[in-house]
Amino acid sequence: MKSGLEAGCVALVIDSVNPENVGKSVTLLSWFEAGEFFNAPDGTLGQMPSNTGGWLCVGDIVCVGKMYVSLRDFRNYGWCIFPSIYLMPLKGDDVRYYDDRNKERCNA
């Protein structure tokens, strides 16, 4: 389940295998289904585990673990895969016209 998350959106990391990622914001690049292959932003080829899907995300994050395809230990900076339950979408109001609304209220 993707929980209202969409590619291109920003989300807050609310849980992580790597505690230093909690509280950081990430940009969602793409959703990958269980077993699907992906190309990471650094050119690394990966494969999702056969039992779960996840979001490929970029940001000021660290990903530590084993790459499923090669089973090598790795430590990646700047990208990681997160399941939907570890992410909370950051959806704000459209503030492009905020100043115009303030001017209208001030001049009323």
N, C-alpha and C. Protein backbone atom coordinates (compact mmCIF):
# COMPACT_ATOMS: atom_id res chain seq x y z
N MET A 1 0.84 -1.18 0.00
CA MET A 1 0.00 0.00 0.00
C MET A 1 0.88 1.24 0.00
N LYS A 2 0.54 2.22 -0.82
CA LYS A 2 1.38 3.40 -0.98
C LYS A 2 0.94 4.56 -0.08
N SER A 3 -0.19 4.50 0.56
CA SER A 3 -0.62 5.46 1.58
C SER A 3 -0.63 6.91 1.12
N GLY A 4 -1.11 7.18 -0.08
CA GLY A 4 -1.20 8.56 -0.55
C GLY A 4 0.13 9.15 -0.99
N LEU A 5 1.17 8.36 -1.04
CA LEU A 5 2.47 8.84 -1.48
C LEU A 5 2.54 8.79 -3.00
N GLU A 6 3.24 9.76 -3.59
CA GLU A 6 3.36 9.82 -5.05
C GLU A 6 4.78 10.17 -5.44
N ALA A 7 5.23 9.65 -6.56
CA ALA A 7 6.56 9.98 -7.07
C ALA A 7 6.67 11.49 -7.26
N GLY A 8 7.80 12.05 -6.87
CA GLY A 8 8.04 13.48 -6.97
C GLY A 8 7.68 14.25 -5.73
N CYS A 9 6.95 13.64 -4.82
CA CYS A 9 6.54 14.31 -3.59
C CYS A 9 7.63 14.20 -2.52
N VAL A 10 7.49 15.04 -1.51
CA VAL A 10 8.39 15.03 -0.37
C VAL A 10 7.69 14.32 0.78
N ALA A 11 8.45 13.51 1.51
CA ALA A 11 7.89 12.78 2.65
C ALA A 11 8.86 12.86 3.82
N LEU A 12 8.33 12.67 5.01
CA LEU A 12 9.11 12.64 6.23
C LEU A 12 9.35 11.19 6.60
N VAL A 13 10.59 10.85 6.93
CA VAL A 13 10.92 9.50 7.38
C VAL A 13 10.50 9.39 8.85
N ILE A 14 9.53 8.52 9.15
CA ILE A 14 9.02 8.38 10.52
C ILE A 14 9.52 7.12 11.20
N ASP A 15 10.14 6.23 10.45
CA ASP A 15 10.73 5.01 11.01
C ASP A 15 11.80 4.55 10.03
N SER A 16 12.81 3.89 10.54
CA SER A 16 13.89 3.43 9.67
C SER A 16 14.73 2.39 10.38
N VAL A 17 15.29 1.47 9.62
CA VAL A 17 16.25 0.53 10.16
C VAL A 17 17.47 1.30 10.67
N ASN A 18 17.78 2.41 10.01
CA ASN A 18 18.88 3.29 10.39
C ASN A 18 18.31 4.49 11.13
N PRO A 19 18.40 4.53 12.46
CA PRO A 19 17.76 5.59 13.25
C PRO A 19 18.14 7.01 12.84
N GLU A 20 19.33 7.20 12.27
CA GLU A 20 19.74 8.55 11.89
C GLU A 20 18.89 9.12 10.75
N ASN A 21 18.10 8.29 10.07
CA ASN A 21 17.23 8.77 9.00
C ASN A 21 15.91 9.33 9.51
N VAL A 22 15.49 8.95 10.71
CA VAL A 22 14.20 9.38 11.25
C VAL A 22 14.19 10.90 11.42
N GLY A 23 13.13 11.52 10.92
CA GLY A 23 12.97 12.96 11.01
C GLY A 23 13.50 13.71 9.80
N LYS A 24 14.10 13.02 8.87
CA LYS A 24 14.62 13.67 7.67
C LYS A 24 13.58 13.63 6.56
N SER A 25 13.66 14.61 5.67
CA SER A 25 12.76 14.63 4.52
C SER A 25 13.46 14.00 3.32
N VAL A 26 12.67 13.34 2.50
CA VAL A 26 13.17 12.68 1.30
C VAL A 26 12.25 13.00 0.13
N THR A 27 12.78 12.91 -1.06
CA THR A 27 11.98 13.03 -2.27
C THR A 27 11.76 11.63 -2.83
N LEU A 28 10.51 11.31 -3.12
CA LEU A 28 10.17 9.98 -3.63
C LEU A 28 10.41 9.95 -5.13
N LEU A 29 11.24 9.01 -5.57
CA LEU A 29 11.53 8.90 -7.00
C LEU A 29 10.60 7.93 -7.70
N SER A 30 10.46 6.73 -7.14
CA SER A 30 9.65 5.71 -7.81
C SER A 30 9.30 4.60 -6.85
N TRP A 31 8.14 3.98 -7.07
CA TRP A 31 7.70 2.82 -6.31
C TRP A 31 8.13 1.56 -7.06
N PHE A 32 8.68 0.59 -6.33
CA PHE A 32 9.06 -0.68 -6.92
C PHE A 32 8.35 -1.81 -6.21
N GLU A 33 7.80 -2.73 -6.99
CA GLU A 33 7.09 -3.88 -6.46
C GLU A 33 8.08 -4.93 -5.97
N ALA A 34 7.59 -5.87 -5.18
CA ALA A 34 8.42 -6.98 -4.68
C ALA A 34 9.08 -7.70 -5.84
N GLY A 35 10.38 -7.95 -5.73
CA GLY A 35 11.13 -8.67 -6.74
C GLY A 35 11.57 -7.85 -7.94
N GLU A 36 11.11 -6.62 -8.03
CA GLU A 36 11.43 -5.78 -9.19
C GLU A 36 12.86 -5.25 -9.11
N PHE A 37 13.53 -5.16 -10.27
CA PHE A 37 14.87 -4.59 -10.35
C PHE A 37 14.77 -3.07 -10.43
N PHE A 38 15.80 -2.38 -9.93
CA PHE A 38 15.84 -0.93 -10.01
C PHE A 38 17.28 -0.46 -10.19
N ASN A 39 17.41 0.73 -10.76
CA ASN A 39 18.70 1.41 -10.86
C ASN A 39 18.69 2.54 -9.85
N ALA A 40 19.62 2.50 -8.91
CA ALA A 40 19.72 3.54 -7.89
C ALA A 40 20.34 4.80 -8.49
N PRO A 41 20.16 5.94 -7.84
CA PRO A 41 20.72 7.20 -8.36
C PRO A 41 22.24 7.16 -8.56
N ASP A 42 22.95 6.32 -7.81
CA ASP A 42 24.41 6.24 -7.97
C ASP A 42 24.82 5.20 -9.01
N GLY A 43 23.85 4.63 -9.73
CA GLY A 43 24.13 3.65 -10.77
C GLY A 43 24.12 2.21 -10.30
N THR A 44 23.94 1.99 -9.01
CA THR A 44 23.88 0.65 -8.46
C THR A 44 22.64 -0.08 -8.95
N LEU A 45 22.79 -1.33 -9.36
CA LEU A 45 21.64 -2.15 -9.73
C LEU A 45 21.18 -2.89 -8.49
N GLY A 46 19.89 -2.85 -8.23
CA GLY A 46 19.34 -3.54 -7.07
C GLY A 46 18.09 -4.30 -7.42
N GLN A 47 17.63 -5.10 -6.49
CA GLN A 47 16.38 -5.83 -6.65
C GLN A 47 15.65 -5.80 -5.32
N MET A 48 14.37 -5.51 -5.39
CA MET A 48 13.54 -5.51 -4.19
C MET A 48 13.45 -6.94 -3.66
N PRO A 49 13.34 -7.09 -2.33
CA PRO A 49 13.12 -8.43 -1.77
C PRO A 49 11.83 -9.02 -2.35
N SER A 50 11.72 -10.32 -2.34
CA SER A 50 10.57 -10.98 -2.94
C SER A 50 9.28 -10.81 -2.13
N ASN A 51 9.39 -10.30 -0.91
CA ASN A 51 8.20 -10.21 -0.06
C ASN A 51 7.70 -8.79 0.17
N THR A 52 8.35 -7.77 -0.39
CA THR A 52 7.90 -6.41 -0.11
C THR A 52 8.30 -5.44 -1.22
N GLY A 53 7.50 -4.40 -1.39
CA GLY A 53 7.83 -3.31 -2.29
C GLY A 53 8.34 -2.13 -1.49
N GLY A 54 8.73 -1.07 -2.17
CA GLY A 54 9.21 0.10 -1.46
C GLY A 54 9.46 1.28 -2.38
N TRP A 55 9.67 2.44 -1.76
CA TRP A 55 9.93 3.68 -2.47
C TRP A 55 11.43 3.91 -2.56
N LEU A 56 11.91 4.20 -3.75
CA LEU A 56 13.28 4.67 -3.94
C LEU A 56 13.26 6.16 -3.64
N CYS A 57 14.06 6.57 -2.65
CA CYS A 57 14.04 7.95 -2.16
C CYS A 57 15.43 8.55 -2.20
N VAL A 58 15.49 9.87 -2.36
CA VAL A 58 16.76 10.59 -2.26
C VAL A 58 16.63 11.68 -1.22
N GLY A 59 17.75 12.03 -0.62
CA GLY A 59 17.79 13.07 0.40
C GLY A 59 19.05 12.91 1.22
N ASP A 60 19.10 13.61 2.34
CA ASP A 60 20.25 13.54 3.24
C ASP A 60 20.09 12.32 4.13
N ILE A 61 20.18 11.14 3.53
CA ILE A 61 19.91 9.88 4.23
C ILE A 61 21.05 8.89 4.00
N VAL A 62 21.08 7.88 4.85
CA VAL A 62 22.09 6.82 4.77
C VAL A 62 21.35 5.50 4.72
N CYS A 63 21.80 4.62 3.85
CA CYS A 63 21.20 3.29 3.74
C CYS A 63 22.29 2.25 3.98
N VAL A 64 22.09 1.41 4.97
CA VAL A 64 23.06 0.38 5.31
C VAL A 64 22.36 -0.96 5.25
N GLY A 65 23.01 -1.96 4.69
CA GLY A 65 22.41 -3.29 4.64
C GLY A 65 23.12 -4.18 3.67
N LYS A 66 22.37 -5.08 3.07
CA LYS A 66 22.91 -5.98 2.05
C LYS A 66 22.14 -5.75 0.77
N MET A 67 22.87 -5.56 -0.31
CA MET A 67 22.23 -5.42 -1.61
C MET A 67 21.71 -6.79 -2.01
N TYR A 68 20.42 -6.87 -2.29
CA TYR A 68 19.76 -8.15 -2.52
C TYR A 68 20.40 -8.94 -3.66
N VAL A 69 20.78 -8.26 -4.73
CA VAL A 69 21.31 -8.96 -5.90
C VAL A 69 22.68 -9.57 -5.60
N SER A 70 23.59 -8.77 -5.02
CA SER A 70 24.96 -9.25 -4.83
C SER A 70 25.21 -9.79 -3.43
N LEU A 71 24.31 -9.48 -2.50
CA LEU A 71 24.46 -9.85 -1.09
C LEU A 71 25.73 -9.29 -0.47
N ARG A 72 26.27 -8.22 -1.06
CA ARG A 72 27.42 -7.53 -0.46
C ARG A 72 26.91 -6.55 0.58
N ASP A 73 27.72 -6.32 1.61
CA ASP A 73 27.40 -5.24 2.54
C ASP A 73 27.59 -3.92 1.80
N PHE A 74 26.76 -2.95 2.13
CA PHE A 74 26.93 -1.65 1.49
C PHE A 74 26.51 -0.54 2.45
N ARG A 75 26.98 0.64 2.18
CA ARG A 75 26.57 1.85 2.89
C ARG A 75 26.45 2.93 1.82
N ASN A 76 25.22 3.35 1.57
CA ASN A 76 24.96 4.34 0.54
C ASN A 76 24.56 5.66 1.18
N TYR A 77 25.01 6.73 0.60
CA TYR A 77 24.66 8.06 1.06
C TYR A 77 23.81 8.74 0.00
N GLY A 78 22.71 9.32 0.42
CA GLY A 78 21.89 10.10 -0.49
C GLY A 78 20.69 9.39 -1.07
N TRP A 79 20.61 8.07 -0.93
CA TRP A 79 19.42 7.36 -1.41
C TRP A 79 19.16 6.12 -0.56
N CYS A 80 17.92 5.68 -0.56
CA CYS A 80 17.53 4.48 0.19
C CYS A 80 16.17 4.02 -0.30
N ILE A 81 15.81 2.81 0.05
CA ILE A 81 14.47 2.27 -0.21
C ILE A 81 13.72 2.22 1.11
N PHE A 82 12.50 2.77 1.13
CA PHE A 82 11.68 2.73 2.34
C PHE A 82 10.32 2.12 2.02
N PRO A 83 9.79 1.28 2.90
CA PRO A 83 8.39 0.85 2.74
C PRO A 83 7.48 2.04 3.05
N SER A 84 6.29 2.01 2.54
CA SER A 84 5.33 3.11 2.74
C SER A 84 5.09 3.43 4.20
N ILE A 85 5.07 2.40 5.05
CA ILE A 85 4.75 2.64 6.46
C ILE A 85 5.84 3.42 7.17
N TYR A 86 7.01 3.57 6.57
CA TYR A 86 8.10 4.36 7.16
C TYR A 86 8.06 5.82 6.72
N LEU A 87 7.11 6.18 5.87
CA LEU A 87 7.06 7.52 5.29
C LEU A 87 5.73 8.21 5.56
N MET A 88 5.79 9.52 5.80
CA MET A 88 4.59 10.33 5.96
C MET A 88 4.66 11.45 4.92
N PRO A 89 3.65 11.54 4.04
CA PRO A 89 3.69 12.60 3.02
C PRO A 89 3.66 13.98 3.67
N LEU A 90 4.44 14.89 3.12
CA LEU A 90 4.42 16.28 3.57
C LEU A 90 3.65 17.07 2.54
N LYS A 91 2.40 17.33 2.85
CA LYS A 91 1.54 18.07 1.93
C LYS A 91 1.18 19.38 2.60
N GLY A 92 1.59 20.46 1.99
CA GLY A 92 1.29 21.77 2.54
C GLY A 92 0.28 22.50 1.69
N ASP A 93 -0.18 23.63 2.21
CA ASP A 93 -1.06 24.49 1.42
C ASP A 93 -0.27 25.10 0.29
N ASP A 94 -0.97 25.45 -0.76
CA ASP A 94 -0.34 26.14 -1.88
C ASP A 94 -0.08 27.58 -1.43
N VAL A 95 1.18 27.92 -1.22
CA VAL A 95 1.51 29.24 -0.68
C VAL A 95 2.00 30.20 -1.77
N ARG A 96 1.82 29.85 -3.03
CA ARG A 96 2.29 30.73 -4.11
C ARG A 96 1.62 32.09 -4.05
N TYR A 97 0.38 32.14 -3.59
CA TYR A 97 -0.35 33.39 -3.58
C TYR A 97 -0.55 33.90 -2.16
N TYR A 98 0.23 33.41 -1.22
CA TYR A 98 0.08 33.78 0.19
C TYR A 98 0.21 35.29 0.38
N ASP A 99 1.23 35.89 -0.22
CA ASP A 99 1.44 37.33 -0.06
C ASP A 99 0.26 38.12 -0.61
N ASP A 100 -0.30 37.71 -1.74
CA ASP A 100 -1.45 38.39 -2.31
C ASP A 100 -2.64 38.32 -1.37
N ARG A 101 -2.86 37.20 -0.71
CA ARG A 101 -3.98 37.07 0.23
C ARG A 101 -3.77 37.99 1.42
N ASN A 102 -2.53 38.09 1.90
CA ASN A 102 -2.24 38.98 3.02
C ASN A 102 -2.51 40.42 2.65
N LYS A 103 -2.12 40.83 1.44
CA LYS A 103 -2.34 42.20 1.00
C LYS A 103 -3.83 42.50 0.96
N GLU A 104 -4.62 41.55 0.46
CA GLU A 104 -6.06 41.77 0.39
C GLU A 104 -6.63 41.95 1.78
N ARG A 105 -6.20 41.13 2.74
CA ARG A 105 -6.72 41.25 4.09
C ARG A 105 -6.28 42.57 4.73
N CYS A 106 -5.05 42.98 4.47
CA CYS A 106 -4.54 44.22 5.07
C CYS A 106 -5.23 45.44 4.48
N ASN A 107 -5.61 45.37 3.23
CA ASN A 107 -6.22 46.52 2.56
C ASN A 107 -7.74 46.52 2.68
N ALA A 108 -8.31 45.57 3.35
CA ALA A 108 -9.77 45.46 3.43
C ALA A 108 -10.35 46.50 4.35
